[in-house]
Amino acid sequence: MAGQSKGEQRTGLLNGFAAYGMWGLVPLFWPLLKPAGAIEILAHRMVWSLAVVGVALVVLRRWAWLGELLRQPRKLALVTVAATVITVNWGVYIWSVNAGHVVEASLGYFINPLVTIALGVLVLKERMRPAQWAAVGVAFAAVIVLTIGYGRPPWISLCLAFSFGTYGLVKKKVNLGGIESLAAETAVQFLPALAYLLWLGAHGDATFATQGAGHAALLASTGVVTALPLVCFGAAAIRVPLSTLGLLQYLAPVFQFLLGILYFHEAMPPARWAGFALVWLALSLLTFDALRTARRSARTLRAEINAPRNTITTGTVSAARKADSVAAGPDPVDAKP
């Protein structure tokens, strides 16, 4: 990134803002699709997303990855798992927005980085630093406070956070690019989604052909709504440091939270404010720790570069090269709501 011009970095930042801004404003879109239900909207999103990314792959002529993927059954199985988990995530998110739970949905993406860390410890046996333990502990306290405030566990938030965290975990194993992974996942989703839409139409319950051309066009545009932020994210990812993307990822839940309060006028009693405050405190601890670790690694790298060459240790340089990644916390994955 160091050799890039300021213009390239500015382009990357604009694309990053555009990607996370669109993901943050997407709650304004799903209510436009009524009277279609959440499952019908979800099925259209799967079908039309494959159409959009298919066109993109034809234009870009990026097909080499497909043959390689088909020759690896383990990767295909992981893609299927990723497709299943993101289906749950998309479905719950669409339903929660159209059912008037935008604020609770935003909470899911606030706590997602903390869930990602917890999954890293539980599944990958990673070791956490003290500040990360503190952040997870504060987040757990926030869930307790919110459970008291809602009179039930914040299951929408937890479902979104854990499904998205699991999705990110699986995608690390698959290791495909953004457009390629979305194409593979929506290919898995396509036939079940198309079969559901055909079944819905056969029973006279589909809205695609009964609510006018405008409604049909909106349902078809779910593919663009899914793919366009991903394209912007990809343009940002190659131009700005991962640490910057790690901070930008909080824009999406912030926008969703503000929309829930200011546009959809959802209630925020004191207990919910207290729960959100604890979550924000946990994220502050996590971000501060990540940035401090990155600075420390960068200073170590500079010191080793300035030292005689034979004193440079492989472990030190390797750790320093990871500084940018550490600052970002959990990797921002590409298939947002």
Foldseek 3Di string as FASTA:
>chain_A
DVPDDPVLLVLLVVLLCVLLVLLQPCLVQLLVLPPDALLLLLLLLLQLLLVVLVVVCVVVVPDPVVVVCVVDVVLLVLLQLLLVLVSQLSSLQSNCSNVQNLQLLLLLLLCLLLLLVVCCCVPVVDDDDPLSVVLNVLLVVLQVLVCVVVVHGSVSSVSNSNSVSVSLVSCVVSPDALSVSSNSSSVSVNPVSVVVQVVCVVVVNDCLPPVDPVSVVSSSCSSVSQVVSLVSNVSSPVRHFQLVSLVSNSSNSVSSNCCSCPPVNDDDPPSNVVSVVSSVVSVVSQLVVLLVQLVVLCVLVVVCVPDPVVVDDPVSVVSNVCSSVSNSRRGDDRRRD
